[in-house]
Amino acid sequence: MFPTLPADHALLLLLNQDWRAPVLDLLLPVFSMRSLLFAILSVLMVWRCRKHGKGQTLFFILLVLAMGLADLSTNLVKHAVGRLRPENLVGGTYHQQSEQWQRLPVDMKPDRERGTSFPSAHAANSAALALMAAMLWPRLRKGIWALPLLVGWSRVYLGKHFPTDVLGGWLLGLLVGWLFWRLWRVVAKRLCLQLRAEPAQE
């Protein structure tokens, strides 16, 4: 079984069991919806492509491919590692079933031997999106990083992941995003496209 470090377990209990509030019960599940990432991506695509045309369209194709690769990579690691999710392992964990909040019995026993907890695909996708968006549109750099932070928090709050699952997802997503940003630099140079859509703000 995948080992859980004491600090990892303690942070899970803090974020999932101790720091709870009715407003968070309503808000944080929204950031675990994959449709949110695609909605943000769609808004950015329409907004920027209307203004910058072909170059932005190509960039968005690479961005979608980056998120797809991040998702595929996390799934490969998940099945290789087989770590159980908190909702299948840790007694007292809050989780949602049919959109209703439930809490596991404190004395529960693991109901399976393998799981798909490490790393978090949601965290990886949001990190890849945030990195590439921040690189192309420097004005978004200060705000865009709130997205992966909120997504990661939501995954722990919903009992889907341990904090280290989220951290692993972020790192994998940043790596994939960086690789695709390097690819975009090559494509932009070959096609004589503008590397960034706007100058960085000092």
N, C-alpha and C. Protein backbone atom coordinates (compact mmCIF):
# COMPACT_ATOMS: atom_id res chain seq x y z
N MET A 1 0.84 -1.20 0.00
CA MET A 1 0.00 0.00 0.00
C MET A 1 0.88 1.25 0.00
N PHE A 2 0.47 2.27 -0.76
CA PHE A 2 1.22 3.52 -0.85
C PHE A 2 1.29 4.16 0.53
N PRO A 3 2.50 4.48 1.02
CA PRO A 3 2.62 5.05 2.37
C PRO A 3 2.12 6.48 2.44
N THR A 4 1.52 6.83 3.57
CA THR A 4 1.06 8.19 3.81
C THR A 4 1.89 8.80 4.92
N LEU A 5 2.61 9.86 4.61
CA LEU A 5 3.45 10.52 5.59
C LEU A 5 2.59 11.18 6.67
N PRO A 6 3.09 11.27 7.89
CA PRO A 6 2.32 11.90 8.97
C PRO A 6 1.86 13.32 8.62
N ALA A 7 2.75 14.11 8.01
CA ALA A 7 2.39 15.48 7.66
C ALA A 7 1.30 15.50 6.60
N ASP A 8 1.35 14.56 5.67
CA ASP A 8 0.34 14.46 4.62
C ASP A 8 -1.02 14.13 5.24
N HIS A 9 -1.03 13.19 6.16
CA HIS A 9 -2.26 12.79 6.84
C HIS A 9 -2.81 13.93 7.69
N ALA A 10 -1.92 14.63 8.38
CA ALA A 10 -2.36 15.74 9.24
C ALA A 10 -2.96 16.87 8.42
N LEU A 11 -2.36 17.18 7.27
CA LEU A 11 -2.88 18.25 6.42
C LEU A 11 -4.22 17.84 5.81
N LEU A 12 -4.36 16.56 5.48
CA LEU A 12 -5.65 16.07 4.99
C LEU A 12 -6.74 16.30 6.03
N LEU A 13 -6.47 15.93 7.27
CA LEU A 13 -7.46 16.10 8.33
C LEU A 13 -7.81 17.58 8.52
N LEU A 14 -6.80 18.44 8.42
CA LEU A 14 -7.02 19.87 8.59
C LEU A 14 -7.94 20.42 7.49
N LEU A 15 -7.62 20.10 6.23
CA LEU A 15 -8.36 20.66 5.10
C LEU A 15 -9.70 19.98 4.86
N ASN A 16 -9.79 18.70 5.22
CA ASN A 16 -11.02 17.96 4.94
C ASN A 16 -11.99 17.94 6.12
N GLN A 17 -11.45 17.91 7.34
CA GLN A 17 -12.32 17.72 8.49
C GLN A 17 -12.42 18.94 9.40
N ASP A 18 -11.32 19.68 9.57
CA ASP A 18 -11.32 20.79 10.52
C ASP A 18 -11.78 22.11 9.90
N TRP A 19 -11.24 22.44 8.74
CA TRP A 19 -11.57 23.72 8.09
C TRP A 19 -12.79 23.55 7.20
N ARG A 20 -13.94 23.40 7.81
CA ARG A 20 -15.17 23.23 7.04
C ARG A 20 -16.15 24.36 7.37
N ALA A 21 -16.94 24.73 6.36
CA ALA A 21 -17.95 25.78 6.52
C ALA A 21 -19.02 25.57 5.45
N PRO A 22 -20.25 25.95 5.73
CA PRO A 22 -21.33 25.79 4.74
C PRO A 22 -21.02 26.44 3.40
N VAL A 23 -20.39 27.61 3.42
CA VAL A 23 -20.09 28.28 2.16
C VAL A 23 -19.06 27.50 1.36
N LEU A 24 -18.10 26.86 2.05
CA LEU A 24 -17.11 26.04 1.35
C LEU A 24 -17.75 24.76 0.80
N ASP A 25 -18.74 24.24 1.53
CA ASP A 25 -19.45 23.06 1.03
C ASP A 25 -20.13 23.34 -0.30
N LEU A 26 -20.55 24.58 -0.51
CA LEU A 26 -21.20 24.97 -1.76
C LEU A 26 -20.20 25.36 -2.83
N LEU A 27 -19.15 26.08 -2.42
CA LEU A 27 -18.23 26.68 -3.39
C LEU A 27 -17.19 25.70 -3.93
N LEU A 28 -16.53 24.98 -3.06
CA LEU A 28 -15.38 24.18 -3.49
C LEU A 28 -15.73 23.04 -4.46
N PRO A 29 -16.89 22.40 -4.36
CA PRO A 29 -17.21 21.39 -5.38
C PRO A 29 -17.22 21.94 -6.81
N VAL A 30 -17.49 23.24 -6.95
CA VAL A 30 -17.48 23.85 -8.29
C VAL A 30 -16.10 23.75 -8.91
N PHE A 31 -15.05 23.91 -8.09
CA PHE A 31 -13.68 23.88 -8.61
C PHE A 31 -13.18 22.46 -8.88
N SER A 32 -14.00 21.47 -8.55
CA SER A 32 -13.66 20.10 -8.91
C SER A 32 -14.38 19.64 -10.17
N MET A 33 -15.16 20.54 -10.76
CA MET A 33 -15.86 20.21 -12.01
C MET A 33 -14.92 20.41 -13.19
N ARG A 34 -14.71 19.36 -13.97
CA ARG A 34 -13.87 19.49 -15.16
C ARG A 34 -14.45 20.52 -16.13
N SER A 35 -15.76 20.65 -16.12
CA SER A 35 -16.41 21.61 -17.02
C SER A 35 -15.96 23.03 -16.73
N LEU A 36 -15.53 23.31 -15.48
CA LEU A 36 -15.05 24.65 -15.15
C LEU A 36 -13.80 24.98 -15.94
N LEU A 37 -12.84 24.04 -16.00
CA LEU A 37 -11.61 24.28 -16.74
C LEU A 37 -11.90 24.51 -18.22
N PHE A 38 -12.80 23.73 -18.78
CA PHE A 38 -13.11 23.89 -20.20
C PHE A 38 -13.91 25.16 -20.45
N ALA A 39 -14.70 25.59 -19.48
CA ALA A 39 -15.41 26.86 -19.62
C ALA A 39 -14.42 28.02 -19.63
N ILE A 40 -13.45 27.99 -18.71
CA ILE A 40 -12.42 29.02 -18.68
C ILE A 40 -11.63 29.02 -19.97
N LEU A 41 -11.27 27.83 -20.44
CA LEU A 41 -10.52 27.69 -21.68
C LEU A 41 -11.31 28.24 -22.86
N SER A 42 -12.60 27.96 -22.91
CA SER A 42 -13.44 28.42 -24.01
C SER A 42 -13.57 29.94 -24.03
N VAL A 43 -13.75 30.52 -22.84
CA VAL A 43 -13.86 31.99 -22.75
C VAL A 43 -12.56 32.64 -23.21
N LEU A 44 -11.44 32.12 -22.74
CA LEU A 44 -10.14 32.66 -23.16
C LEU A 44 -9.95 32.53 -24.67
N MET A 45 -10.35 31.39 -25.21
CA MET A 45 -10.16 31.14 -26.64
C MET A 45 -10.95 32.12 -27.49
N VAL A 46 -12.23 32.29 -27.17
CA VAL A 46 -13.07 33.21 -27.94
C VAL A 46 -12.56 34.64 -27.80
N TRP A 47 -12.23 35.02 -26.57
CA TRP A 47 -11.77 36.38 -26.30
C TRP A 47 -10.49 36.70 -27.04
N ARG A 48 -9.50 35.80 -26.97
CA ARG A 48 -8.19 36.09 -27.54
C ARG A 48 -8.13 35.84 -29.05
N CYS A 49 -8.84 34.82 -29.53
CA CYS A 49 -8.78 34.51 -30.96
C CYS A 49 -9.43 35.60 -31.80
N ARG A 50 -10.46 36.22 -31.27
CA ARG A 50 -11.10 37.31 -32.00
C ARG A 50 -10.16 38.50 -32.15
N LYS A 51 -9.25 38.64 -31.20
CA LYS A 51 -8.35 39.78 -31.21
C LYS A 51 -7.05 39.49 -31.94
N HIS A 52 -6.53 38.26 -31.80
CA HIS A 52 -5.19 37.96 -32.32
C HIS A 52 -5.16 36.92 -33.43
N GLY A 53 -6.29 36.27 -33.73
CA GLY A 53 -6.37 35.43 -34.91
C GLY A 53 -5.60 34.12 -34.87
N LYS A 54 -4.94 33.80 -36.00
CA LYS A 54 -4.35 32.49 -36.24
C LYS A 54 -3.39 32.03 -35.15
N GLY A 55 -2.51 32.92 -34.72
CA GLY A 55 -1.52 32.53 -33.73
C GLY A 55 -2.16 32.03 -32.45
N GLN A 56 -3.23 32.71 -32.01
CA GLN A 56 -3.91 32.30 -30.78
C GLN A 56 -4.62 30.96 -30.96
N THR A 57 -5.17 30.74 -32.15
CA THR A 57 -5.84 29.46 -32.42
C THR A 57 -4.85 28.30 -32.30
N LEU A 58 -3.68 28.45 -32.87
CA LEU A 58 -2.65 27.41 -32.77
C LEU A 58 -2.23 27.19 -31.33
N PHE A 59 -2.11 28.29 -30.59
CA PHE A 59 -1.72 28.17 -29.19
C PHE A 59 -2.76 27.38 -28.41
N PHE A 60 -4.03 27.65 -28.66
CA PHE A 60 -5.08 26.93 -27.94
C PHE A 60 -5.10 25.46 -28.29
N ILE A 61 -4.77 25.12 -29.53
CA ILE A 61 -4.66 23.71 -29.90
C ILE A 61 -3.58 23.04 -29.05
N LEU A 62 -2.43 23.72 -28.91
CA LEU A 62 -1.35 23.18 -28.08
C LEU A 62 -1.76 23.10 -26.61
N LEU A 63 -2.52 24.10 -26.17
CA LEU A 63 -2.97 24.11 -24.77
C LEU A 63 -3.90 22.93 -24.48
N VAL A 64 -4.81 22.65 -25.40
CA VAL A 64 -5.70 21.50 -25.23
C VAL A 64 -4.90 20.20 -25.24
N LEU A 65 -3.92 20.11 -26.14
CA LEU A 65 -3.07 18.92 -26.20
C LEU A 65 -2.27 18.76 -24.90
N ALA A 66 -1.80 19.89 -24.35
CA ALA A 66 -1.05 19.84 -23.09
C ALA A 66 -1.92 19.30 -21.96
N MET A 67 -3.15 19.78 -21.87
CA MET A 67 -4.05 19.30 -20.83
C MET A 67 -4.38 17.82 -21.04
N GLY A 68 -4.51 17.43 -22.31
CA GLY A 68 -4.76 16.02 -22.60
C GLY A 68 -3.60 15.13 -22.19
N LEU A 69 -2.37 15.59 -22.47
CA LEU A 69 -1.19 14.82 -22.09
C LEU A 69 -1.04 14.77 -20.57
N ALA A 70 -1.32 15.88 -19.90
CA ALA A 70 -1.26 15.89 -18.43
C ALA A 70 -2.25 14.88 -17.85
N ASP A 71 -3.43 14.84 -18.42
CA ASP A 71 -4.45 13.91 -17.96
C ASP A 71 -4.03 12.46 -18.20
N LEU A 72 -3.52 12.19 -19.40
CA LEU A 72 -3.07 10.84 -19.74
C LEU A 72 -1.92 10.40 -18.84
N SER A 73 -0.98 11.31 -18.61
CA SER A 73 0.19 10.99 -17.79
C SER A 73 -0.21 10.65 -16.35
N THR A 74 -1.13 11.44 -15.80
CA THR A 74 -1.56 11.16 -14.43
C THR A 74 -2.26 9.81 -14.34
N ASN A 75 -3.05 9.48 -15.35
CA ASN A 75 -3.75 8.18 -15.32
C ASN A 75 -2.78 7.02 -15.38
N LEU A 76 -1.71 7.16 -16.16
CA LEU A 76 -0.70 6.11 -16.23
C LEU A 76 -0.03 5.92 -14.87
N VAL A 77 0.30 7.04 -14.22
CA VAL A 77 0.94 6.96 -12.90
C VAL A 77 -0.04 6.41 -11.87
N LYS A 78 -1.29 6.86 -11.93
CA LYS A 78 -2.31 6.38 -10.99
C LYS A 78 -2.38 4.86 -10.95
N HIS A 79 -2.46 4.27 -12.14
CA HIS A 79 -2.62 2.82 -12.21
C HIS A 79 -1.34 2.08 -11.82
N ALA A 80 -0.20 2.73 -12.03
CA ALA A 80 1.06 2.11 -11.63
C ALA A 80 1.25 2.17 -10.11
N VAL A 81 0.84 3.29 -9.50
CA VAL A 81 1.03 3.48 -8.06
C VAL A 81 -0.07 2.78 -7.26
N GLY A 82 -1.32 2.97 -7.66
CA GLY A 82 -2.43 2.30 -6.99
C GLY A 82 -2.77 2.81 -5.61
N ARG A 83 -2.52 4.09 -5.34
CA ARG A 83 -2.81 4.62 -4.01
C ARG A 83 -4.31 4.80 -3.79
N LEU A 84 -4.77 4.40 -2.62
CA LEU A 84 -6.18 4.56 -2.27
C LEU A 84 -6.50 6.03 -2.02
N ARG A 85 -7.72 6.42 -2.37
CA ARG A 85 -8.19 7.77 -2.08
C ARG A 85 -8.58 7.88 -0.60
N PRO A 86 -8.52 9.09 -0.04
CA PRO A 86 -8.93 9.25 1.36
C PRO A 86 -10.35 8.74 1.62
N GLU A 87 -11.26 8.92 0.65
CA GLU A 87 -12.64 8.48 0.84
C GLU A 87 -12.77 6.96 0.88
N ASN A 88 -11.68 6.24 0.55
CA ASN A 88 -11.68 4.78 0.64
C ASN A 88 -10.76 4.26 1.73
N LEU A 89 -10.12 5.19 2.46
CA LEU A 89 -9.06 4.77 3.37
C LEU A 89 -9.11 5.39 4.76
N VAL A 90 -9.39 6.68 4.84
CA VAL A 90 -9.24 7.43 6.09
C VAL A 90 -10.59 7.62 6.78
N GLY A 91 -10.73 7.07 7.97
CA GLY A 91 -11.96 7.23 8.74
C GLY A 91 -12.25 8.68 9.06
N GLY A 92 -13.53 9.06 9.01
CA GLY A 92 -13.93 10.43 9.32
C GLY A 92 -13.86 11.37 8.14
N THR A 93 -13.43 10.89 6.97
CA THR A 93 -13.29 11.76 5.80
C THR A 93 -14.66 12.18 5.27
N TYR A 94 -14.78 13.49 5.00
CA TYR A 94 -15.98 14.00 4.35
C TYR A 94 -15.85 13.81 2.85
N HIS A 95 -16.95 13.42 2.22
CA HIS A 95 -16.94 13.24 0.77
C HIS A 95 -18.36 13.42 0.25
N GLN A 96 -18.48 13.52 -1.07
CA GLN A 96 -19.80 13.68 -1.68
C GLN A 96 -20.20 12.41 -2.41
N GLN A 97 -21.45 12.03 -2.25
CA GLN A 97 -22.03 10.92 -2.99
C GLN A 97 -23.39 11.37 -3.50
N SER A 98 -23.55 11.35 -4.83
CA SER A 98 -24.78 11.87 -5.46
C SER A 98 -25.02 13.31 -5.03
N GLU A 99 -23.92 14.09 -4.97
CA GLU A 99 -23.94 15.52 -4.63
C GLU A 99 -24.42 15.79 -3.20
N GLN A 100 -24.41 14.78 -2.37
CA GLN A 100 -24.76 14.94 -0.96
C GLN A 100 -23.53 14.67 -0.09
N TRP A 101 -23.31 15.56 0.90
CA TRP A 101 -22.16 15.39 1.78
C TRP A 101 -22.40 14.23 2.74
N GLN A 102 -21.38 13.39 2.88
CA GLN A 102 -21.42 12.29 3.82
C GLN A 102 -20.08 12.22 4.54
N ARG A 103 -20.08 11.55 5.69
CA ARG A 103 -18.83 11.36 6.42
C ARG A 103 -18.62 9.88 6.69
N LEU A 104 -17.40 9.42 6.43
CA LEU A 104 -17.08 8.02 6.66
C LEU A 104 -17.04 7.72 8.15
N PRO A 105 -17.38 6.51 8.56
CA PRO A 105 -17.23 6.13 9.97
C PRO A 105 -15.77 6.27 10.41
N VAL A 106 -15.58 6.73 11.62
CA VAL A 106 -14.23 6.93 12.12
C VAL A 106 -13.45 5.62 12.18
N ASP A 107 -14.15 4.52 12.44
CA ASP A 107 -13.48 3.22 12.58
C ASP A 107 -13.57 2.37 11.31
N MET A 108 -13.74 3.01 10.15
CA MET A 108 -13.89 2.27 8.90
C MET A 108 -12.62 1.50 8.54
N LYS A 109 -12.77 0.47 7.74
CA LYS A 109 -11.65 -0.29 7.21
C LYS A 109 -11.58 -0.04 5.70
N PRO A 110 -10.37 -0.04 5.13
CA PRO A 110 -10.24 0.15 3.67
C PRO A 110 -11.10 -0.86 2.92
N ASP A 111 -11.84 -0.36 1.91
CA ASP A 111 -12.76 -1.25 1.19
C ASP A 111 -12.18 -1.78 -0.12
N ARG A 112 -10.90 -1.53 -0.35
CA ARG A 112 -10.23 -2.06 -1.53
C ARG A 112 -8.72 -2.03 -1.30
N GLU A 113 -7.97 -2.69 -2.18
CA GLU A 113 -6.52 -2.75 -2.01
C GLU A 113 -5.78 -1.72 -2.86
N ARG A 114 -6.34 -1.34 -3.99
CA ARG A 114 -5.69 -0.38 -4.88
C ARG A 114 -6.67 0.71 -5.26
N GLY A 115 -6.11 1.88 -5.59
CA GLY A 115 -6.95 3.01 -5.97
C GLY A 115 -6.29 3.86 -7.03
N THR A 116 -6.84 5.05 -7.22
CA THR A 116 -6.33 5.96 -8.26
C THR A 116 -6.16 7.37 -7.70
N SER A 117 -5.49 7.46 -6.57
CA SER A 117 -5.39 8.76 -5.89
C SER A 117 -4.18 9.59 -6.32
N PHE A 118 -3.04 8.94 -6.56
CA PHE A 118 -1.81 9.69 -6.85
C PHE A 118 -1.39 9.51 -8.31
N PRO A 119 -1.17 10.65 -9.00
CA PRO A 119 -1.38 12.05 -8.62
C PRO A 119 -2.77 12.53 -9.05
N SER A 120 -3.10 13.76 -8.71
CA SER A 120 -4.40 14.33 -9.05
C SER A 120 -4.41 14.85 -10.48
N ALA A 121 -5.30 14.32 -11.31
CA ALA A 121 -5.42 14.79 -12.69
C ALA A 121 -5.99 16.21 -12.74
N HIS A 122 -6.94 16.51 -11.85
CA HIS A 122 -7.49 17.86 -11.80
C HIS A 122 -6.39 18.89 -11.53
N ALA A 123 -5.52 18.57 -10.57
CA ALA A 123 -4.42 19.48 -10.24
C ALA A 123 -3.46 19.63 -11.41
N ALA A 124 -3.16 18.53 -12.09
CA ALA A 124 -2.25 18.57 -13.24
C ALA A 124 -2.83 19.40 -14.37
N ASN A 125 -4.10 19.20 -14.70
CA ASN A 125 -4.72 19.95 -15.79
C ASN A 125 -4.76 21.44 -15.49
N SER A 126 -5.13 21.80 -14.26
CA SER A 126 -5.23 23.21 -13.91
C SER A 126 -3.86 23.87 -13.88
N ALA A 127 -2.82 23.14 -13.46
CA ALA A 127 -1.47 23.70 -13.43
C ALA A 127 -0.93 23.91 -14.84
N ALA A 128 -1.18 22.96 -15.75
CA ALA A 128 -0.75 23.11 -17.14
C ALA A 128 -1.43 24.31 -17.78
N LEU A 129 -2.74 24.44 -17.54
CA LEU A 129 -3.49 25.58 -18.08
C LEU A 129 -2.96 26.89 -17.53
N ALA A 130 -2.74 26.95 -16.22
CA ALA A 130 -2.28 28.19 -15.59
C ALA A 130 -0.91 28.61 -16.09
N LEU A 131 0.01 27.66 -16.21
CA LEU A 131 1.36 27.99 -16.65
C LEU A 131 1.36 28.54 -18.08
N MET A 132 0.68 27.85 -18.98
CA MET A 132 0.70 28.29 -20.37
C MET A 132 -0.04 29.62 -20.54
N ALA A 133 -1.14 29.80 -19.81
CA ALA A 133 -1.86 31.07 -19.88
C ALA A 133 -1.01 32.21 -19.33
N ALA A 134 -0.30 31.95 -18.23
CA ALA A 134 0.55 32.98 -17.63
C ALA A 134 1.70 33.36 -18.55
N MET A 135 2.24 32.39 -19.28
CA MET A 135 3.35 32.67 -20.18
C MET A 135 2.90 33.46 -21.40
N LEU A 136 1.72 33.12 -21.94
CA LEU A 136 1.25 33.82 -23.14
C LEU A 136 0.67 35.18 -22.81
N TRP A 137 -0.04 35.28 -21.71
CA TRP A 137 -0.68 36.53 -21.32
C TRP A 137 -0.13 36.97 -19.96
N PRO A 138 0.98 37.67 -19.94
CA PRO A 138 1.63 38.06 -18.68
C PRO A 138 0.71 38.81 -17.72
N ARG A 139 -0.29 39.51 -18.24
CA ARG A 139 -1.18 40.26 -17.35
C ARG A 139 -2.03 39.34 -16.47
N LEU A 140 -2.13 38.08 -16.85
CA LEU A 140 -2.91 37.12 -16.06
C LEU A 140 -2.09 36.46 -14.96
N ARG A 141 -0.79 36.73 -14.93
CA ARG A 141 0.09 35.96 -14.04
C ARG A 141 -0.30 36.03 -12.58
N LYS A 142 -0.74 37.19 -12.12
CA LYS A 142 -1.04 37.32 -10.69
C LYS A 142 -2.31 36.58 -10.30
N GLY A 143 -3.29 36.54 -11.19
CA GLY A 143 -4.57 35.95 -10.83
C GLY A 143 -4.75 34.50 -11.24
N ILE A 144 -4.11 34.09 -12.33
CA ILE A 144 -4.37 32.76 -12.88
C ILE A 144 -3.94 31.64 -11.94
N TRP A 145 -2.94 31.92 -11.07
CA TRP A 145 -2.45 30.86 -10.18
C TRP A 145 -3.44 30.52 -9.07
N ALA A 146 -4.46 31.37 -8.90
CA ALA A 146 -5.51 31.02 -7.93
C ALA A 146 -6.28 29.79 -8.39
N LEU A 147 -6.33 29.57 -9.72
CA LEU A 147 -7.10 28.44 -10.24
C LEU A 147 -6.55 27.09 -9.77
N PRO A 148 -5.27 26.76 -10.00
CA PRO A 148 -4.79 25.46 -9.51
C PRO A 148 -4.82 25.35 -7.98
N LEU A 149 -4.64 26.47 -7.28
CA LEU A 149 -4.71 26.42 -5.82
C LEU A 149 -6.11 26.03 -5.35
N LEU A 150 -7.13 26.65 -5.94
CA LEU A 150 -8.51 26.34 -5.57
C LEU A 150 -8.91 24.94 -6.00
N VAL A 151 -8.45 24.54 -7.18
CA VAL A 151 -8.74 23.18 -7.65
C VAL A 151 -8.12 22.15 -6.70
N GLY A 152 -6.86 22.37 -6.34
CA GLY A 152 -6.18 21.45 -5.43
C GLY A 152 -6.85 21.38 -4.06
N TRP A 153 -7.21 22.55 -3.53
CA TRP A 153 -7.91 22.60 -2.24
C TRP A 153 -9.22 21.81 -2.32
N SER A 154 -9.95 22.00 -3.42
CA SER A 154 -11.24 21.33 -3.56
C SER A 154 -11.10 19.81 -3.58
N ARG A 155 -10.02 19.31 -4.18
CA ARG A 155 -9.85 17.85 -4.27
C ARG A 155 -9.60 17.23 -2.90
N VAL A 156 -8.90 17.96 -2.04
CA VAL A 156 -8.69 17.48 -0.66
C VAL A 156 -9.97 17.65 0.15
N TYR A 157 -10.64 18.78 -0.03
CA TYR A 157 -11.87 19.07 0.71
C TYR A 157 -12.95 18.03 0.42
N LEU A 158 -12.98 17.52 -0.82
CA LEU A 158 -13.97 16.53 -1.22
C LEU A 158 -13.54 15.10 -0.90
N GLY A 159 -12.38 14.94 -0.28
CA GLY A 159 -11.93 13.60 0.10
C GLY A 159 -11.43 12.76 -1.05
N LYS A 160 -11.16 13.40 -2.19
CA LYS A 160 -10.72 12.66 -3.37
C LYS A 160 -9.21 12.42 -3.38
N HIS A 161 -8.46 13.31 -2.72
CA HIS A 161 -7.00 13.21 -2.78
C HIS A 161 -6.36 13.62 -1.47
N PHE A 162 -5.18 13.07 -1.23
CA PHE A 162 -4.28 13.56 -0.19
C PHE A 162 -3.57 14.80 -0.72
N PRO A 163 -3.07 15.67 0.17
CA PRO A 163 -2.32 16.84 -0.29
C PRO A 163 -1.14 16.49 -1.20
N THR A 164 -0.44 15.39 -0.93
CA THR A 164 0.69 15.03 -1.79
C THR A 164 0.22 14.59 -3.18
N ASP A 165 -1.00 14.10 -3.30
CA ASP A 165 -1.55 13.79 -4.62
C ASP A 165 -1.69 15.07 -5.44
N VAL A 166 -2.17 16.11 -4.77
CA VAL A 166 -2.33 17.41 -5.42
C VAL A 166 -0.97 17.98 -5.81
N LEU A 167 -0.01 17.90 -4.89
CA LEU A 167 1.33 18.40 -5.17
C LEU A 167 1.93 17.67 -6.37
N GLY A 168 1.80 16.35 -6.39
CA GLY A 168 2.30 15.57 -7.52
C GLY A 168 1.64 15.97 -8.82
N GLY A 169 0.33 16.22 -8.77
CA GLY A 169 -0.38 16.66 -9.96
C GLY A 169 0.08 18.02 -10.44
N TRP A 170 0.27 18.94 -9.50
CA TRP A 170 0.79 20.26 -9.88
C TRP A 170 2.14 20.15 -10.59
N LEU A 171 3.04 19.39 -10.00
CA LEU A 171 4.39 19.26 -10.58
C LEU A 171 4.34 18.64 -11.97
N LEU A 172 3.53 17.62 -12.13
CA LEU A 172 3.42 16.99 -13.44
C LEU A 172 2.80 17.95 -14.45
N GLY A 173 1.76 18.67 -14.03
CA GLY A 173 1.13 19.64 -14.92
C GLY A 173 2.06 20.77 -15.32
N LEU A 174 2.87 21.24 -14.37
CA LEU A 174 3.83 22.30 -14.68
C LEU A 174 4.88 21.80 -15.67
N LEU A 175 5.31 20.56 -15.52
CA LEU A 175 6.28 20.00 -16.45
C LEU A 175 5.70 19.91 -17.85
N VAL A 176 4.50 19.39 -17.96
CA VAL A 176 3.85 19.28 -19.27
C VAL A 176 3.61 20.66 -19.87
N GLY A 177 3.13 21.59 -19.05
CA GLY A 177 2.91 22.95 -19.53
C GLY A 177 4.18 23.60 -20.02
N TRP A 178 5.27 23.40 -19.30
CA TRP A 178 6.56 23.97 -19.71
C TRP A 178 7.03 23.36 -21.02
N LEU A 179 6.87 22.05 -21.20
CA LEU A 179 7.28 21.40 -22.44
C LEU A 179 6.48 21.93 -23.63
N PHE A 180 5.19 22.13 -23.43
CA PHE A 180 4.37 22.64 -24.53
C PHE A 180 4.62 24.12 -24.77
N TRP A 181 5.02 24.86 -23.74
CA TRP A 181 5.41 26.25 -23.97
C TRP A 181 6.67 26.30 -24.82
N ARG A 182 7.61 25.42 -24.56
CA ARG A 182 8.81 25.34 -25.39
C ARG A 182 8.45 24.97 -26.83
N LEU A 183 7.49 24.07 -26.99
CA LEU A 183 7.03 23.71 -28.33
C LEU A 183 6.40 24.91 -29.01
N TRP A 184 5.62 25.68 -28.26
CA TRP A 184 5.00 26.88 -28.82
C TRP A 184 6.05 27.88 -29.28
N ARG A 185 7.14 28.01 -28.56
CA ARG A 185 8.21 28.91 -28.96
C ARG A 185 8.77 28.51 -30.32
N VAL A 186 8.93 27.21 -30.53
CA VAL A 186 9.44 26.72 -31.82
C VAL A 186 8.43 26.99 -32.93
N VAL A 187 7.15 26.67 -32.66
CA VAL A 187 6.10 26.88 -33.66
C VAL A 187 5.97 28.36 -34.01
N ALA A 188 5.97 29.21 -32.99
CA ALA A 188 5.83 30.65 -33.23
C ALA A 188 6.99 31.19 -34.06
N LYS A 189 8.19 30.71 -33.78
CA LYS A 189 9.36 31.16 -34.53
C LYS A 189 9.30 30.70 -35.98
N ARG A 190 8.92 29.43 -36.19
CA ARG A 190 8.85 28.88 -37.55
C ARG A 190 7.80 29.60 -38.39
N LEU A 191 6.67 29.94 -37.78
CA LEU A 191 5.56 30.55 -38.52
C LEU A 191 5.54 32.06 -38.40
N CYS A 192 6.58 32.62 -37.78
CA CYS A 192 6.69 34.08 -37.61
C CYS A 192 5.48 34.65 -36.87
N LEU A 193 5.09 33.97 -35.80
CA LEU A 193 3.97 34.43 -34.99
C LEU A 193 4.49 35.14 -33.75
N GLN A 194 3.65 36.00 -33.18
CA GLN A 194 4.02 36.71 -31.96
C GLN A 194 4.07 35.71 -30.80
N LEU A 195 5.19 35.69 -30.07
CA LEU A 195 5.37 34.72 -29.00
C LEU A 195 4.38 34.93 -27.88
N ARG A 196 4.25 36.18 -27.44
CA ARG A 196 3.30 36.52 -26.38
C ARG A 196 2.25 37.47 -26.94
N ALA A 197 1.04 37.33 -26.42
CA ALA A 197 -0.06 38.14 -26.94
C ALA A 197 0.02 39.58 -26.46
N GLU A 198 0.79 39.83 -25.41
CA GLU A 198 0.87 41.17 -24.84
C GLU A 198 2.15 41.28 -24.04
N PRO A 199 2.68 42.49 -23.85
CA PRO A 199 3.90 42.66 -23.08
C PRO A 199 3.68 42.39 -21.60
N ALA A 200 4.74 41.95 -20.93
CA ALA A 200 4.65 41.70 -19.49
C ALA A 200 4.51 43.01 -18.74
N GLN A 201 3.78 42.97 -17.64
CA GLN A 201 3.60 44.14 -16.79
C GLN A 201 4.71 44.19 -15.75
N GLU A 202 5.37 45.27 -15.67
CA GLU A 202 6.44 45.44 -14.68
C GLU A 202 5.85 45.84 -13.33
